[in-house]
Protein backbone atom coordinates (compact mmCIF):
# COMPACT_ATOMS: atom_id res chain seq x y z
CA MET A 1 12.05 214.68 188.43
CA ALA A 2 14.98 217.24 189.54
CA GLN A 3 15.74 216.55 192.85
CA THR A 4 17.80 217.77 195.46
CA ILE A 5 19.04 215.38 197.95
CA LEU A 6 19.81 216.42 201.25
CA ASP A 7 23.09 217.34 202.81
CA ASP A 8 24.20 214.23 204.96
CA VAL A 9 25.49 216.97 207.65
CA PRO A 10 25.88 216.06 211.48
CA ALA A 11 23.58 217.53 213.65
CA THR A 12 24.60 220.64 215.36
CA PRO A 13 24.90 221.24 219.43
CA ARG A 14 21.80 223.04 220.26
CA PRO A 15 22.21 226.00 221.05
CA GLU A 16 21.41 228.25 224.26
CA VAL A 17 18.25 230.27 224.48
CA GLN A 18 17.73 233.32 222.53
CA GLY A 19 15.77 235.05 220.38
CA VAL A 20 13.11 235.96 222.88
CA ARG A 21 11.61 238.90 224.96
CA SER A 22 8.33 239.55 226.66
CA LEU A 23 5.53 241.35 225.45
CA ASP A 24 4.99 244.47 228.04
CA GLN A 25 1.40 244.29 230.36
CA ARG A 26 -0.63 246.38 227.48
CA GLY A 27 1.03 244.46 224.95
CA ALA A 28 0.44 240.59 226.59
CA ARG A 29 -3.22 242.18 227.44
CA VAL A 30 -3.86 242.40 223.54
CA GLN A 31 -1.98 239.53 222.85
CA LYS A 32 -4.75 237.24 225.30
CA ALA A 33 -7.74 239.17 223.96
CA THR A 34 -6.93 238.31 220.78
CA VAL A 35 -5.95 235.46 220.80
CA ALA A 36 -9.14 234.32 223.29
CA ALA A 37 -11.15 235.83 220.53
CA LEU A 38 -9.92 233.69 217.67
CA THR A 39 -10.45 230.97 219.55
CA VAL A 40 -14.04 231.12 221.29
CA ILE A 41 -15.16 233.18 217.92
CA PRO A 42 -14.80 229.77 216.16
CA PHE A 43 -16.14 227.73 218.49
CA ALA A 44 -19.18 229.42 218.52
CA GLY A 45 -19.74 229.42 214.67
CA VAL A 46 -19.11 225.61 214.93
CA LEU A 47 -22.31 225.49 217.69
CA TRP A 48 -24.04 227.96 215.53
CA ALA A 49 -23.41 225.50 212.26
CA MET A 50 -24.36 222.54 214.77
CA THR A 51 -27.82 223.88 215.33
CA SER A 52 -28.49 224.92 212.11
CA LEU A 53 -27.35 221.28 210.53
CA TRP A 54 -30.45 220.10 212.49
CA GLY A 55 -33.39 219.05 210.21
CA SER A 56 -32.24 220.85 206.26
CA GLY A 57 -28.23 219.30 206.27
CA LEU A 58 -25.56 220.64 204.88
CA SER A 59 -26.05 222.92 201.64
CA GLY A 60 -23.63 221.62 199.05
CA LEU A 61 -22.82 225.48 198.68
CA ASP A 62 -21.78 226.00 202.33
CA ALA A 63 -19.50 222.42 201.57
CA THR A 64 -17.69 223.90 198.57
CA LEU A 65 -16.99 226.77 200.09
CA PHE A 66 -15.44 224.88 203.46
CA GLY A 67 -13.87 222.91 201.44
CA VAL A 68 -12.07 225.09 199.07
CA PHE A 69 -11.09 227.78 201.88
CA TYR A 70 -9.80 224.89 203.69
CA VAL A 71 -7.56 223.19 201.63
CA LEU A 72 -6.39 226.68 199.97
CA SER A 73 -5.43 228.02 203.43
CA GLY A 74 -4.26 224.89 204.94
CA LEU A 75 -1.77 224.19 201.70
CA GLY A 76 -0.66 227.34 201.98
CA ILE A 77 0.39 226.61 205.81
CA THR A 78 1.82 223.37 205.08
CA VAL A 79 3.46 224.08 201.72
CA GLY A 80 4.21 227.80 202.24
CA TYR A 81 4.55 228.92 205.64
CA HIS A 82 5.86 225.21 206.64
CA ARG A 83 8.31 223.54 203.88
CA LEU A 84 9.27 226.83 201.94
CA PHE A 85 9.54 229.82 204.01
CA THR A 86 10.66 227.91 207.61
CA HIS A 87 13.03 225.28 206.12
CA ARG A 88 13.71 226.33 202.05
CA SER A 89 12.99 222.79 201.42
CA PHE A 90 12.40 224.17 198.13
CA GLU A 91 12.45 227.20 195.81
CA THR A 92 9.84 229.35 193.82
CA SER A 93 9.10 232.34 192.07
CA ARG A 94 8.46 235.54 193.49
CA GLY A 95 5.41 235.14 192.45
CA VAL A 96 4.63 231.64 194.25
CA ARG A 97 6.00 233.13 197.09
CA VAL A 98 3.53 235.79 197.92
CA MET A 99 0.39 234.23 196.68
CA LEU A 100 1.72 230.86 199.63
CA ALA A 101 2.46 233.37 202.17
CA VAL A 102 -1.25 234.94 201.38
CA LEU A 103 -3.02 231.59 201.55
CA GLY A 104 -0.93 230.65 204.87
CA SER A 105 -2.54 234.07 205.70
CA ILE A 106 -6.06 233.43 205.54
CA ALA A 107 -5.71 230.43 207.95
CA ILE A 108 -5.65 232.95 210.40
CA GLU A 109 -2.16 231.15 212.31
CA GLY A 110 -0.11 234.33 212.47
CA SER A 111 1.60 236.48 210.16
CA VAL A 112 4.16 234.76 207.74
CA ILE A 113 6.81 235.79 209.54
CA THR A 114 5.54 235.36 213.16
CA TRP A 115 5.44 231.80 212.90
CA VAL A 116 8.29 230.97 211.06
CA ALA A 117 10.08 232.28 214.09
CA ASP A 118 8.43 230.74 216.21
CA HIS A 119 8.26 227.32 213.97
CA ARG A 120 12.44 227.81 213.84
CA ARG A 121 12.80 228.06 217.43
CA HIS A 122 10.51 224.61 218.06
CA HIS A 123 13.14 223.17 215.75
CA ALA A 124 16.22 224.54 217.68
CA TYR A 125 14.47 223.35 221.13
CA SER A 126 12.75 220.67 220.49
CA ASP A 127 10.91 219.50 223.45
CA LYS A 128 13.73 220.96 225.14
CA ASP A 129 13.68 224.39 227.17
CA GLY A 130 13.25 227.05 224.87
CA ASP A 131 10.85 225.30 222.77
CA PRO A 132 7.54 227.65 222.74
CA HIS A 133 5.26 224.83 222.72
CA SER A 134 6.23 221.47 224.02
CA PRO A 135 4.08 218.99 225.76
CA HIS A 136 7.34 217.63 228.30
CA LEU A 137 8.36 220.68 230.13
CA ASP A 138 5.73 221.49 232.53
CA GLU A 139 3.68 218.76 232.56
CA GLY A 140 4.12 217.61 236.02
CA ASP A 141 3.05 214.12 237.33
CA GLY A 142 0.03 211.67 236.57
CA LEU A 143 -2.93 212.35 234.08
CA VAL A 144 -2.93 215.17 235.26
CA GLY A 145 0.27 216.95 234.76
CA VAL A 146 0.24 215.22 231.17
CA LEU A 147 -3.43 216.92 230.19
CA ARG A 148 -1.65 220.08 231.04
CA GLY A 149 1.64 219.41 228.99
CA LEU A 150 -1.12 218.42 226.00
CA TRP A 151 -2.78 221.63 226.52
CA HIS A 152 -0.12 223.88 226.30
CA ALA A 153 1.32 221.90 223.40
CA HIS A 154 -1.89 222.61 221.79
CA MET A 155 -2.83 226.08 222.24
CA GLY A 156 -2.00 227.51 226.32
CA TRP A 157 1.04 228.63 224.59
CA LEU A 158 -0.52 231.07 222.43
CA PHE A 159 -1.75 233.06 225.59
CA ASN A 160 1.63 233.52 226.77
CA ASP A 161 3.59 237.09 226.72
CA GLU A 162 6.92 235.72 225.23
CA ARG A 163 7.39 236.70 222.03
CA THR A 164 9.98 235.04 219.27
CA SER A 165 12.80 237.44 218.12
CA TRP A 166 11.93 237.76 214.10
CA GLU A 167 15.57 239.18 213.75
CA ARG A 168 17.39 236.14 215.05
CA TRP A 169 14.80 233.53 213.73
CA ALA A 170 13.48 234.87 210.71
CA PRO A 171 15.93 237.37 208.78
CA ASP A 172 16.11 235.78 205.59
CA LEU A 173 12.54 236.82 205.58
CA LEU A 174 13.03 240.34 206.51
CA LYS A 175 14.99 240.85 203.61
CA ASP A 176 11.85 240.11 201.26
CA PRO A 177 10.33 243.26 200.64
CA ALA A 178 6.76 241.28 199.72
CA LEU A 179 7.20 239.23 202.60
CA VAL A 180 7.33 241.60 204.37
CA LYS A 181 4.22 243.45 202.59
CA VAL A 182 2.02 240.35 203.69
CA ASP A 183 3.14 240.22 206.65
CA SER A 184 2.22 244.04 207.70
CA ALA A 185 -1.14 242.97 205.19
CA PHE A 186 -1.97 240.21 208.28
CA PRO A 187 -4.97 241.91 209.97
CA ARG A 188 -6.72 242.57 206.33
CA LEU A 189 -6.60 239.15 205.37
CA ILE A 190 -8.06 237.61 208.51
CA LEU A 191 -10.89 240.32 207.38
CA VAL A 192 -10.57 238.64 203.74
CA SER A 193 -10.84 234.76 205.55
CA PHE A 194 -13.86 236.00 206.99
CA GLY A 195 -15.57 238.15 204.59
CA LEU A 196 -14.94 236.02 200.99
CA PRO A 197 -16.93 233.10 201.96
CA ALA A 198 -19.84 235.57 203.18
CA LEU A 199 -19.36 237.51 200.07
CA ILE A 200 -19.35 234.71 198.13
CA GLY A 201 -22.22 233.09 199.36
CA GLY A 202 -24.71 236.13 199.06
CA LEU A 203 -23.60 236.51 195.90
CA VAL A 204 -24.16 232.54 194.66
CA THR A 205 -27.72 232.53 196.66
CA GLY A 206 -28.86 236.60 196.53
CA THR A 207 -29.83 236.41 200.26
CA PHE A 208 -28.39 237.69 203.39
CA GLY A 209 -28.89 234.02 204.99
CA GLY A 210 -26.64 232.82 201.88
CA ALA A 211 -23.83 235.14 203.51
CA LEU A 212 -24.27 234.17 207.27
CA SER A 213 -24.11 230.73 206.16
CA GLY A 214 -21.09 230.99 203.95
CA PHE A 215 -19.39 233.08 206.51
CA VAL A 216 -19.99 230.65 209.35
CA TRP A 217 -19.32 227.14 207.01
CA GLY A 218 -16.58 229.14 204.89
CA GLY A 219 -14.94 230.85 207.36
CA LEU A 220 -15.59 230.19 210.63
CA VAL A 221 -15.67 225.90 211.09
CA ARG A 222 -13.26 226.37 208.99
CA VAL A 223 -10.63 227.79 210.88
CA PHE A 224 -12.09 226.02 214.08
CA LEU A 225 -11.19 222.62 212.22
CA LEU A 226 -7.93 224.44 210.48
CA HIS A 227 -6.33 225.55 213.69
CA HIS A 228 -7.48 222.21 215.60
CA VAL A 229 -5.45 220.14 213.27
CA THR A 230 -2.31 222.25 213.41
CA TRP A 231 -2.57 222.43 216.49
CA SER A 232 -2.54 218.83 217.09
CA VAL A 233 0.62 218.53 215.47
CA ASN A 234 2.34 219.98 218.01
CA SER A 235 0.57 218.29 220.67
CA VAL A 236 -0.41 214.83 220.07
CA CYS A 237 2.50 214.22 217.09
CA HIS A 238 4.84 214.69 220.55
CA PHE A 239 2.72 212.12 222.39
CA PHE A 240 1.31 209.72 220.14
CA GLY A 241 3.01 207.60 217.86
CA LYS A 242 5.45 206.05 216.20
CA ARG A 243 9.25 207.01 216.34
CA PRO A 244 10.76 205.15 213.92
CA TYR A 245 14.04 207.95 213.52
CA ASN A 246 16.25 209.12 215.73
CA THR A 247 15.62 211.56 216.96
CA THR A 248 16.83 214.29 219.54
CA ASP A 249 12.72 214.76 220.39
CA TYR A 250 9.56 213.23 220.98
CA SER A 251 8.30 213.77 217.66
CA THR A 252 5.90 211.22 216.50
CA ASN A 253 4.09 209.86 213.46
CA ASN A 254 0.43 210.04 213.66
CA TRP A 255 -1.96 208.34 210.71
CA ALA A 256 -4.87 209.30 211.74
CA LEU A 257 -4.15 212.84 211.07
CA SER A 258 -2.59 212.34 207.70
CA LEU A 259 -5.29 213.72 205.03
CA ILE A 260 -6.77 216.55 207.21
CA SER A 261 -2.91 217.41 207.45
CA PHE A 262 -2.33 217.44 203.86
CA GLY A 263 0.96 215.29 205.31
CA GLU A 264 2.28 217.26 208.29
CA SER A 265 1.35 214.23 211.00
CA TRP A 266 4.31 212.52 210.00
CA HIS A 267 6.67 213.97 212.18
CA ASN A 268 9.14 212.45 213.15
CA ASN A 269 10.09 211.87 209.36
CA HIS A 270 10.07 215.89 209.30
CA HIS A 271 12.42 216.06 212.82
CA ALA A 272 14.70 213.65 211.81
CA PHE A 273 15.17 215.38 207.64
CA PRO A 274 13.20 219.05 209.00
CA THR A 275 14.51 220.16 205.14
CA SER A 276 13.16 217.64 203.18
CA ALA A 277 10.34 218.32 200.90
CA VAL A 278 8.27 215.02 201.77
CA HIS A 279 7.12 214.13 205.14
CA GLY A 280 5.29 211.34 204.20
CA LEU A 281 8.50 208.83 203.38
CA GLY A 282 6.74 205.33 203.29
CA ARG A 283 4.17 203.66 200.56
CA ALA A 284 1.19 204.23 202.52
CA GLN A 285 2.37 207.37 204.18
CA ILE A 286 -0.45 210.26 202.10
CA ASP A 287 1.68 213.62 201.86
CA LEU A 288 -0.37 215.79 199.87
CA SER A 289 1.52 218.73 200.62
CA ALA A 290 4.70 216.97 199.06
CA MET A 291 2.06 216.26 195.89
CA VAL A 292 1.51 219.81 195.56
CA ILE A 293 5.04 220.45 195.54
CA ARG A 294 5.76 218.00 193.00
CA GLY A 295 2.81 219.56 190.91
CA PHE A 296 5.02 222.54 191.13
CA GLU A 297 7.72 220.97 189.91
CA ARG A 298 6.17 219.20 186.88
CA LEU A 299 4.73 223.06 185.80
CA GLY A 300 8.27 224.23 186.23
CA LEU A 301 6.68 226.44 189.56
CA ALA A 302 8.97 224.83 191.77
CA ARG A 303 13.00 224.02 191.62
CA ASN A 304 16.15 222.47 193.60
CA VAL A 305 13.61 220.42 195.94
CA LYS A 306 15.10 218.34 198.73
CA VAL A 307 14.41 215.10 199.31
CA VAL A 308 15.73 212.47 201.42
CA SER A 309 18.26 210.00 199.86
CA ALA A 310 17.96 206.31 200.61
CA LYS A 311 21.18 205.71 202.79
CA GLN A 312 19.84 208.99 205.24
CA GLU A 313 16.60 207.09 206.41
CA THR A 314 19.11 203.53 206.68
CA LYS A 315 21.30 206.01 208.71
CA ALA A 316 18.29 207.28 211.15
CA LEU A 317 16.29 204.60 211.35
CA LYS A 318 16.33 203.39 215.37
CA ALA A 319 17.50 199.53 215.60
CA ASP A 320 14.39 197.80 215.87
CA GLY A 321 13.10 199.91 212.93
C-alpha cells in the first residue's frame, strides 16, 4: 500500500488568537435558536422512540435505516470533514470529495467550511485561549467547575455568538467551487437528512406510520446519537483516558468510544500526529475510518495517504509510555 510518511517537523510556535468575530444581535439570536432546535428536536425524537419500543420492539427496517444513515453520515464527518478536508491526510478525486462533503453535511454538525474552520482553530489553540471547545478554559473549582467545562466543550460552545473566519482558517476550501456549492446547500441537505429516511420508510411499508418511524429512527435518533458521540470527542477525550504521547494539550485516548466514533476517540494519537490518516496506532486500537481510507486507496480512490513512521511514534512517546 502506497503511503506518505508524515514530515518530521518540530512544532511551530502557537499563534496569537486570530480569525474570530462576533455575530450581531440578530445573528446571535438566529444562531442560538437554530442550535436549540437541532438539539432539542432530536432529543424529543429519542423520547418518542423509547415509548414506541414498549411492547412492539424495533423493526428491521427502522434498525437498517438507523444503521445505514449513522454509518454514512458518521464517516462523512470522520473521513471527509475531519481527515480529508481539515487535515488533508490523503488526496482523492473531485467526485469523492463532493460525496464525502455531502455525507458529512447530512450529519447536521454544520456546513463543511464552518466545521473545518472551527476544527483547525481548535488544533491551533488546543486547550488554550482561542480553542472554541476546550473543557479546561473556564472550568472553575471543584466538581461544579469540571462539569461546567465539560458542558462547554460538549455542546455549550455551540450557543456562543463567536464565529471562526473562513478566510483565515479555510481559504483552501473557499477556492474549491464544488465545496462552496455543497456548503451553500447545507440548509437543503438538512431536509434531505431527515426526509430521505422518512421517504424510504414510507415507500417500503406503504404507510404513514412507516414514514414517521423512518423519520424518527433514521433521522432524529441517528442525529442525536451521532451528535453526542462527536461532541464527546471534544469533551470526554480532552478529560478522561490515557495520554501515551507528548502533546501540548490534554487530549486523551478513550477506547469506550472507539467503535461508535469510527476511531476518532484515539484522540491523543490524533493530536500527536494531526495529519495522519490513521488514528488507531496500536494493534488493538480499532479505527474504522482508517480502514475506509485504506479501502479507498486499494480501489484507486485515495492517494498520498499520510501515516506515522515508527521513528516518529518513538520520539513522541512519553517517558513512561
